[in-house]
Amino acid sequence: MNSSSFVGTIACAAFFLTACAKQPLAVRGFQGQTLSVAVGQELDVTLQTVGPGQYESPPMVSSPSLQFLSVAFVGPYVPAGPTQQFKFKGEAPGQAIVVFQHSGNNPTITDIVNVY
């Protein structure tokens, strides 16, 4: 195999590995979800607030199998209150309970995340 064939083979393999990468699991939050993500996969949970306050960051995560990465305010912006997107990543096989507490009167949201 000459060097140009080898470089072409490597480039092709890199393309297919990138194309097969795990996409983030994106969900809109509501009470009592059970979710599953793979090790290395990201999880995006979007929560809408109604009225004053916001969901507190970082949320409580019961296990190191799921890592909290970040939170951001996202659109569309509505008069009801802010929309927040919480990002997580599956770190190791296991189960994590994630608790989102609100600083105002919105309910606490508790989700279960299974990492495989």
C-alpha atoms as a PDB file:
ATOM      1  CA  MET A   1       0.000   0.000   0.000  1.00  0.00           C
ATOM      2  CA  ASN A   2       1.456   3.345  -0.983  1.00  0.00           C
ATOM      3  CA  SER A   3       1.302   6.407   1.251  1.00  0.00           C
ATOM      4  CA  SER A   4      -1.539   8.104  -0.651  1.00  0.00           C
ATOM      5  CA  SER A   5      -3.714   4.962  -0.337  1.00  0.00           C
ATOM      6  CA  PHE A   6      -2.920   4.763   3.365  1.00  0.00           C
ATOM      7  CA  VAL A   7      -3.856   8.439   3.924  1.00  0.00           C
ATOM      8  CA  GLY A   8      -7.086   7.916   1.961  1.00  0.00           C
ATOM      9  CA  THR A   9      -7.964   4.862   4.061  1.00  0.00           C
ATOM     10  CA  ILE A  10      -7.337   6.776   7.301  1.00  0.00           C
ATOM     11  CA  ALA A  11      -9.423   9.748   6.109  1.00  0.00           C
ATOM     12  CA  CYS A  12     -12.282   7.427   5.126  1.00  0.00           C
ATOM     13  CA  ALA A  13     -12.179   5.647   8.487  1.00  0.00           C
ATOM     14  CA  ALA A  14     -12.183   8.972  10.352  1.00  0.00           C
ATOM     15  CA  PHE A  15     -15.226  10.106   8.354  1.00  0.00           C
ATOM     16  CA  PHE A  16     -17.203   6.965   9.191  1.00  0.00           C
ATOM     17  CA  LEU A  17     -16.241   7.065  12.875  1.00  0.00           C
ATOM     18  CA  THR A  18     -17.367  10.692  13.083  1.00  0.00           C
ATOM     19  CA  ALA A  19     -20.620   9.926  11.272  1.00  0.00           C
ATOM     20  CA  CYS A  20     -21.376   7.095  13.732  1.00  0.00           C
ATOM     21  CA  ALA A  21     -20.711   9.201  16.847  1.00  0.00           C
ATOM     22  CA  LYS A  22     -23.493   9.201  19.426  1.00  0.00           C
ATOM     23  CA  GLN A  23     -25.827  12.166  19.066  1.00  0.00           C
ATOM     24  CA  PRO A  24     -26.975  14.001  22.210  1.00  0.00           C
ATOM     25  CA  LEU A  25     -30.294  12.852  23.632  1.00  0.00           C
ATOM     26  CA  ALA A  26     -32.479  15.975  23.857  1.00  0.00           C
ATOM     27  CA  VAL A  27     -35.629  15.986  26.000  1.00  0.00           C
ATOM     28  CA  ARG A  28     -38.052  18.558  27.360  1.00  0.00           C
ATOM     29  CA  GLY A  29     -38.395  18.170  31.106  1.00  0.00           C
ATOM     30  CA  PHE A  30     -41.412  16.989  32.990  1.00  0.00           C
ATOM     31  CA  GLN A  31     -41.822  15.046  36.203  1.00  0.00           C
ATOM     32  CA  GLY A  32     -40.625  11.464  36.453  1.00  0.00           C
ATOM     33  CA  GLN A  33     -38.796  10.668  33.236  1.00  0.00           C
ATOM     34  CA  THR A  34     -36.624   7.589  32.938  1.00  0.00           C
ATOM     35  CA  LEU A  35     -33.946   8.172  30.318  1.00  0.00           C
ATOM     36  CA  SER A  36     -31.095   6.084  28.911  1.00  0.00           C
ATOM     37  CA  VAL A  37     -27.787   7.326  27.509  1.00  0.00           C
ATOM     38  CA  ALA A  38     -24.600   5.566  26.496  1.00  0.00           C
ATOM     39  CA  VAL A  39     -21.232   6.186  28.114  1.00  0.00           C
ATOM     40  CA  GLY A  40     -19.830   9.226  26.318  1.00  0.00           C
ATOM     41  CA  GLN A  41     -23.228  10.402  25.080  1.00  0.00           C
ATOM     42  CA  GLU A  42     -24.570  13.823  26.026  1.00  0.00           C
ATOM     43  CA  LEU A  43     -28.014  14.444  27.479  1.00  0.00           C
ATOM     44  CA  ASP A  44     -29.739  17.814  27.068  1.00  0.00           C
ATOM     45  CA  VAL A  45     -32.714  18.466  29.384  1.00  0.00           C
ATOM     46  CA  THR A  46     -34.757  21.600  28.637  1.00  0.00           C
ATOM     47  CA  LEU A  47     -36.978  23.005  31.406  1.00  0.00           C
ATOM     48  CA  GLN A  48     -39.534  25.816  31.148  1.00  0.00           C
ATOM     49  CA  THR A  49     -40.255  28.020  34.148  1.00  0.00           C
ATOM     50  CA  VAL A  50     -43.699  29.529  34.692  1.00  0.00           C
ATOM     51  CA  GLY A  51     -43.553  32.662  36.814  1.00  0.00           C
ATOM     52  CA  PRO A  52     -40.604  34.099  38.715  1.00  0.00           C
ATOM     53  CA  GLY A  53     -37.476  32.120  39.530  1.00  0.00           C
ATOM     54  CA  GLN A  54     -35.398  29.529  37.736  1.00  0.00           C
ATOM     55  CA  TYR A  55     -34.164  25.968  38.127  1.00  0.00           C
ATOM     56  CA  GLU A  56     -31.053  25.976  40.282  1.00  0.00           C
ATOM     57  CA  SER A  57     -27.648  25.014  38.973  1.00  0.00           C
ATOM     58  CA  PRO A  58     -26.033  22.642  39.417  1.00  0.00           C
ATOM     59  CA  PRO A  59     -28.853  20.140  39.821  1.00  0.00           C
ATOM     60  CA  MET A  60     -28.392  17.341  42.346  1.00  0.00           C
ATOM     61  CA  VAL A  61     -26.972  14.211  40.668  1.00  0.00           C
ATOM     62  CA  SER A  62     -26.858  11.064  42.823  1.00  0.00           C
ATOM     63  CA  SER A  63     -24.114   9.169  41.003  1.00  0.00           C
ATOM     64  CA  PRO A  64     -20.802   9.793  39.223  1.00  0.00           C
ATOM     65  CA  SER A  65     -22.154   7.751  36.302  1.00  0.00           C
ATOM     66  CA  LEU A  66     -23.676  11.008  34.994  1.00  0.00           C
ATOM     67  CA  GLN A  67     -21.661  14.236  34.873  1.00  0.00           C
ATOM     68  CA  PHE A  68     -23.272  17.692  34.887  1.00  0.00           C
ATOM     69  CA  LEU A  69     -21.630  19.850  32.187  1.00  0.00           C
ATOM     70  CA  SER A  70     -23.453  23.194  31.994  1.00  0.00           C
ATOM     71  CA  VAL A  71     -26.689  25.144  31.986  1.00  0.00           C
ATOM     72  CA  ALA A  72     -27.790  27.963  29.680  1.00  0.00           C
ATOM     73  CA  PHE A  73     -30.864  30.084  29.071  1.00  0.00           C
ATOM     74  CA  VAL A  74     -32.283  29.242  25.642  1.00  0.00           C
ATOM     75  CA  GLY A  75     -35.040  30.522  23.355  1.00  0.00           C
ATOM     76  CA  PRO A  76     -37.652  30.914  22.345  1.00  0.00           C
ATOM     77  CA  TYR A  77     -38.083  33.540  25.037  1.00  0.00           C
ATOM     78  CA  VAL A  78     -41.642  33.661  26.351  1.00  0.00           C
ATOM     79  CA  PRO A  79     -43.369  35.914  28.908  1.00  0.00           C
ATOM     80  CA  ALA A  80     -44.106  32.932  31.189  1.00  0.00           C
ATOM     81  CA  GLY A  81     -40.496  32.692  32.351  1.00  0.00           C
ATOM     82  CA  PRO A  82     -37.028  31.503  31.343  1.00  0.00           C
ATOM     83  CA  THR A  83     -36.255  28.292  29.491  1.00  0.00           C
ATOM     84  CA  GLN A  84     -33.086  26.535  30.635  1.00  0.00           C
ATOM     85  CA  GLN A  85     -31.091  23.753  29.004  1.00  0.00           C
ATOM     86  CA  PHE A  86     -29.054  21.505  31.292  1.00  0.00           C
ATOM     87  CA  LYS A  87     -26.278  19.436  29.686  1.00  0.00           C
ATOM     88  CA  PHE A  88     -24.979  16.147  31.073  1.00  0.00           C
ATOM     89  CA  LYS A  89     -22.666  13.383  29.863  1.00  0.00           C
ATOM     90  CA  GLY A  90     -22.744   9.658  30.554  1.00  0.00           C
ATOM     91  CA  GLU A  91     -19.477   8.827  32.336  1.00  0.00           C
ATOM     92  CA  ALA A  92     -19.776   5.193  33.462  1.00  0.00           C
ATOM     93  CA  PRO A  93     -22.405   2.442  33.472  1.00  0.00           C
ATOM     94  CA  GLY A  94     -24.901   2.905  36.279  1.00  0.00           C
ATOM     95  CA  GLN A  95     -27.976   4.833  37.326  1.00  0.00           C
ATOM     96  CA  ALA A  96     -28.294   8.445  38.466  1.00  0.00           C
ATOM     97  CA  ILE A  97     -31.204  10.305  39.986  1.00  0.00           C
ATOM     98  CA  VAL A  98     -31.242  13.939  38.892  1.00  0.00           C
ATOM     99  CA  VAL A  99     -33.183  16.487  40.956  1.00  0.00           C
ATOM    100  CA  PHE A 100     -33.952  19.935  39.522  1.00  0.00           C
ATOM    101  CA  GLN A 101     -35.062  22.347  42.270  1.00  0.00           C
ATOM    102  CA  HIS A 102     -36.728  25.648  41.482  1.00  0.00           C
ATOM    103  CA  SER A 103     -36.016  28.913  43.288  1.00  0.00           C
ATOM    104  CA  GLY A 104     -39.678  29.946  43.036  1.00  0.00           C
ATOM    105  CA  ASN A 105     -42.950  28.041  43.090  1.00  0.00           C
ATOM    106  CA  ASN A 106     -42.390  25.626  40.185  1.00  0.00           C
ATOM    107  CA  PRO A 107     -42.351  21.948  41.131  1.00  0.00           C
ATOM    108  CA  THR A 108     -39.166  20.004  41.777  1.00  0.00           C
ATOM    109  CA  ILE A 109     -38.424  17.670  38.854  1.00  0.00           C
ATOM    110  CA  THR A 110     -36.842  14.273  39.510  1.00  0.00           C
ATOM    111  CA  ASP A 111     -35.584  12.140  36.618  1.00  0.00           C
ATOM    112  CA  ILE A 112     -33.790   8.791  36.490  1.00  0.00           C
ATOM    113  CA  VAL A 113     -30.948   8.387  34.005  1.00  0.00           C
ATOM    114  CA  ASN A 114     -29.595   4.945  33.156  1.00  0.00           C
ATOM    115  CA  VAL A 115     -26.091   5.015  31.661  1.00  0.00           C
ATOM    116  CA  TYR A 116     -25.131   1.921  29.678  1.00  0.00           C
END
